[in-house]
C-alpha atoms as a PDB file:
ATOM      1  CA  MET A   1      22.104   9.293  -4.574  1.00  0.00           C
ATOM      2  CA  LYS A   2      18.996   9.669  -3.240  1.00  0.00           C
ATOM      3  CA  ILE A   3      16.216   7.709  -5.744  1.00  0.00           C
ATOM      4  CA  LEU A   4      12.446   8.506  -5.402  1.00  0.00           C
ATOM      5  CA  VAL A   5      10.281   5.808  -6.240  1.00  0.00           C
ATOM      6  CA  VAL A   6       6.133   6.443  -7.047  1.00  0.00           C
ATOM      7  CA  ASP A   7       3.893   3.253  -7.092  1.00  0.00           C
ATOM      8  CA  ASP A   8       0.452   3.211  -5.797  1.00  0.00           C
ATOM      9  CA  GLU A   9       1.666  -1.083  -5.180  1.00  0.00           C
ATOM     10  CA  LYS A  10       3.007  -0.556  -1.294  1.00  0.00           C
ATOM     11  CA  ASP A  11       4.417  -4.031  -1.681  1.00  0.00           C
ATOM     12  CA  ILE A  12       7.074  -2.241  -4.473  1.00  0.00           C
ATOM     13  CA  GLN A  13       9.123  -0.533  -0.701  1.00  0.00           C
ATOM     14  CA  PRO A  14      10.227  -4.081   0.415  1.00  0.00           C
ATOM     15  CA  LEU A  15      10.578  -5.397  -3.009  1.00  0.00           C
ATOM     16  CA  PHE A  16      13.261  -2.584  -3.917  1.00  0.00           C
ATOM     17  CA  GLU A  17      14.892  -2.760  -0.240  1.00  0.00           C
ATOM     18  CA  GLN A  18      15.718  -6.071  -0.272  1.00  0.00           C
ATOM     19  CA  ARG A  19      17.034  -5.836  -3.902  1.00  0.00           C
ATOM     20  CA  PHE A  20      19.076  -3.041  -3.541  1.00  0.00           C
ATOM     21  CA  ARG A  21      20.233  -4.401   0.093  1.00  0.00           C
ATOM     22  CA  LYS A  22      23.870  -3.662  -0.217  1.00  0.00           C
ATOM     23  CA  GLU A  23      23.697  -0.913  -1.779  1.00  0.00           C
ATOM     24  CA  ILE A  24      21.605   0.762   0.512  1.00  0.00           C
ATOM     25  CA  LYS A  25      23.906  -0.394   3.361  1.00  0.00           C
ATOM     26  CA  THR A  26      26.970   1.172   2.093  1.00  0.00           C
ATOM     27  CA  GLY A  27      25.165   4.837   1.237  1.00  0.00           C
ATOM     28  CA  GLU A  28      24.957   4.425  -2.769  1.00  0.00           C
ATOM     29  CA  VAL A  29      21.622   4.959  -2.760  1.00  0.00           C
ATOM     30  CA  GLU A  30      19.100   5.978  -0.156  1.00  0.00           C
ATOM     31  CA  PHE A  31      15.333   5.598  -1.321  1.00  0.00           C
ATOM     32  CA  VAL A  32      12.372   7.456  -0.577  1.00  0.00           C
ATOM     33  CA  PHE A  33       9.111   6.037  -1.441  1.00  0.00           C
ATOM     34  CA  SER A  34       5.800   8.000  -2.461  1.00  0.00           C
ATOM     35  CA  PHE A  35       2.408   5.986  -3.011  1.00  0.00           C
ATOM     36  CA  SER A  36       0.438   8.606  -5.563  1.00  0.00           C
ATOM     37  CA  GLY A  37       1.727  11.233  -8.033  1.00  0.00           C
ATOM     38  CA  GLU A  38      -0.037  13.834  -5.312  1.00  0.00           C
ATOM     39  CA  GLU A  39       2.247  12.642  -2.275  1.00  0.00           C
ATOM     40  CA  ALA A  40       5.318  12.411  -4.548  1.00  0.00           C
ATOM     41  CA  LEU A  41       4.939  16.309  -4.934  1.00  0.00           C
ATOM     42  CA  VAL A  42       4.725  16.911  -1.636  1.00  0.00           C
ATOM     43  CA  CYS A  43       8.141  15.307  -1.278  1.00  0.00           C
ATOM     44  CA  LEU A  44       9.727  16.963  -4.009  1.00  0.00           C
ATOM     45  CA  GLY A  45       9.241  19.873  -2.404  1.00  0.00           C
ATOM     46  CA  ASN A  46      10.226  18.586   1.159  1.00  0.00           C
ATOM     47  CA  CYS A  47      13.166  16.859  -0.567  1.00  0.00           C
ATOM     48  CA  GLN A  48      14.500  20.638  -1.617  1.00  0.00           C
ATOM     49  CA  HIS A  49      15.317  18.564  -4.508  1.00  0.00           C
ATOM     50  CA  GLU A  50      17.502  15.987  -3.469  1.00  0.00           C
ATOM     51  CA  ALA A  51      15.819  13.449  -5.475  1.00  0.00           C
ATOM     52  CA  VAL A  52      18.762  12.495  -8.526  1.00  0.00           C
ATOM     53  CA  LEU A  53      16.114  10.288  -9.802  1.00  0.00           C
ATOM     54  CA  ILE A  54      12.709   9.301  -9.693  1.00  0.00           C
ATOM     55  CA  LEU A  55      11.068   6.115 -10.843  1.00  0.00           C
ATOM     56  CA  SER A  56       7.396   6.414 -11.224  1.00  0.00           C
ATOM     57  CA  ASP A  57       4.812   3.744 -12.151  1.00  0.00           C
ATOM     58  CA  ILE A  58       2.429   5.241 -15.166  1.00  0.00           C
ATOM     59  CA  ASN A  59      -0.744   3.870 -13.843  1.00  0.00           C
ATOM     60  CA  MET A  60      -1.740   4.897 -10.407  1.00  0.00           C
ATOM     61  CA  PRO A  61      -5.290   6.299  -9.186  1.00  0.00           C
ATOM     62  CA  GLY A  62      -5.700  10.185  -9.031  1.00  0.00           C
ATOM     63  CA  MET A  63      -2.720  11.527 -10.991  1.00  0.00           C
ATOM     64  CA  SER A  64      -0.993   9.332 -13.393  1.00  0.00           C
ATOM     65  CA  GLY A  65       3.106   9.023 -13.512  1.00  0.00           C
ATOM     66  CA  LEU A  66       2.239  11.021 -17.096  1.00  0.00           C
ATOM     67  CA  GLU A  67       0.910  13.813 -14.987  1.00  0.00           C
ATOM     68  CA  LEU A  68       3.443  13.540 -12.174  1.00  0.00           C
ATOM     69  CA  LEU A  69       6.339  13.588 -15.268  1.00  0.00           C
ATOM     70  CA  SER A  70       4.287  16.693 -16.896  1.00  0.00           C
ATOM     71  CA  LYS A  71       4.311  18.420 -13.257  1.00  0.00           C
ATOM     72  CA  ILE A  72       7.965  17.488 -12.847  1.00  0.00           C
ATOM     73  CA  LYS A  73       9.337  18.896 -16.093  1.00  0.00           C
ATOM     74  CA  GLU A  74       7.089  22.176 -15.854  1.00  0.00           C
ATOM     75  CA  LYS A  75       9.354  23.255 -13.017  1.00  0.00           C
ATOM     76  CA  PRO A  76      12.430  23.287 -14.396  1.00  0.00           C
ATOM     77  CA  HIS A  77      15.166  21.619 -11.053  1.00  0.00           C
ATOM     78  CA  LEU A  78      18.880  22.555 -10.848  1.00  0.00           C
ATOM     79  CA  PRO A  79      20.025  19.606 -11.694  1.00  0.00           C
ATOM     80  CA  PRO A  80      16.811  18.417 -13.224  1.00  0.00           C
ATOM     81  CA  PRO A  81      16.198  14.729 -11.946  1.00  0.00           C
ATOM     82  CA  VAL A  82      16.322  11.841 -14.222  1.00  0.00           C
ATOM     83  CA  VAL A  83      13.175  10.533 -14.647  1.00  0.00           C
ATOM     84  CA  MET A  84      11.962   6.717 -15.613  1.00  0.00           C
ATOM     85  CA  MET A  85       9.038   5.727 -16.210  1.00  0.00           C
ATOM     86  CA  ILE A  86       8.077   1.730 -15.107  1.00  0.00           C
ATOM     87  CA  THR A  87       4.828   0.375 -16.331  1.00  0.00           C
ATOM     88  CA  ALA A  88       3.162  -3.227 -16.659  1.00  0.00           C
ATOM     89  CA  TYR A  89       2.569  -2.166 -20.300  1.00  0.00           C
ATOM     90  CA  GLY A  90       4.782  -1.613 -22.787  1.00  0.00           C
ATOM     91  CA  ASP A  91       2.598   0.040 -25.591  1.00  0.00           C
ATOM     92  CA  ALA A  92       3.887   2.300 -27.902  1.00  0.00           C
ATOM     93  CA  GLU A  93       1.187   5.131 -26.725  1.00  0.00           C
ATOM     94  CA  ASN A  94       2.185   5.296 -23.313  1.00  0.00           C
ATOM     95  CA  TYR A  95       6.099   4.772 -24.366  1.00  0.00           C
ATOM     96  CA  ASP A  96       5.552   7.800 -26.980  1.00  0.00           C
ATOM     97  CA  ARG A  97       3.483  10.272 -24.447  1.00  0.00           C
ATOM     98  CA  ALA A  98       6.507   9.357 -21.632  1.00  0.00           C
ATOM     99  CA  MET A  99       9.321  10.339 -24.316  1.00  0.00           C
ATOM    100  CA  GLU A 100       7.171  13.014 -25.379  1.00  0.00           C
ATOM    101  CA  LEU A 101       6.586  14.701 -21.603  1.00  0.00           C
ATOM    102  CA  GLY A 102      10.405  14.557 -21.442  1.00  0.00           C
ATOM    103  CA  ALA A 103      11.066  10.911 -19.832  1.00  0.00           C
ATOM    104  CA  ASP A 104      14.744   9.989 -19.732  1.00  0.00           C
ATOM    105  CA  ASP A 105      13.717   6.188 -19.851  1.00  0.00           C
ATOM    106  CA  PHE A 106      11.176   3.390 -19.862  1.00  0.00           C
ATOM    107  CA  ILE A 107      11.082   0.413 -17.969  1.00  0.00           C
ATOM    108  CA  THR A 108       8.619  -2.253 -17.987  1.00  0.00           C
ATOM    109  CA  LYS A 109       7.634  -4.252 -15.386  1.00  0.00           C
ATOM    110  CA  PRO A 110       8.077  -6.827 -13.635  1.00  0.00           C
ATOM    111  CA  VAL A 111      11.563  -4.630 -13.257  1.00  0.00           C
ATOM    112  CA  ASP A 112      14.723  -6.029 -14.337  1.00  0.00           C
ATOM    113  CA  PHE A 113      17.088  -5.340 -11.368  1.00  0.00           C
ATOM    114  CA  ASN A 114      20.183  -6.069 -12.543  1.00  0.00           C
ATOM    115  CA  ALA A 115      19.603  -3.780 -15.566  1.00  0.00           C
ATOM    116  CA  LEU A 116      18.331  -0.943 -13.142  1.00  0.00           C
ATOM    117  CA  LYS A 117      21.025  -1.112 -11.553  1.00  0.00           C
ATOM    118  CA  GLY A 118      23.246  -0.801 -14.602  1.00  0.00           C
ATOM    119  CA  LYS A 119      21.160   2.479 -15.125  1.00  0.00           C
ATOM    120  CA  ILE A 120      21.571   3.870 -11.858  1.00  0.00           C
ATOM    121  CA  LYS A 121      25.649   2.887 -11.941  1.00  0.00           C
ATOM    122  CA  SER A 122      25.826   5.230 -15.355  1.00  0.00           C
ATOM    123  CA  LEU A 123      23.697   7.958 -13.636  1.00  0.00           C
ATOM    124  CA  GLU A 124      26.750   8.532 -11.049  1.00  0.00           C
END
């Protein structure tokens, strides 16, 4: 499964690679990282919609994760990617807005990687 992780915090990449080391090694998952919403849109265009799951931070400079979500959902992909929003702020306003825009799930930081692995397995 190809997973696109979108977060302006560059230290997220080694964290995901360490937490999913076994799954990456066995080929269960493949991560692609983008560090802005704009970069993620370019990546999605170049990946020919290979990303099955998109994990996006909400609060990023430039294009926010909610703006990215809106752009992803306005251009239907087949099959449509699952989009999970990640935020340090578990407030109702961000949650409600993400759900209105079509988010499939909402995850608060710090990320519970065991729970995330369970969610990923349920998508297979």
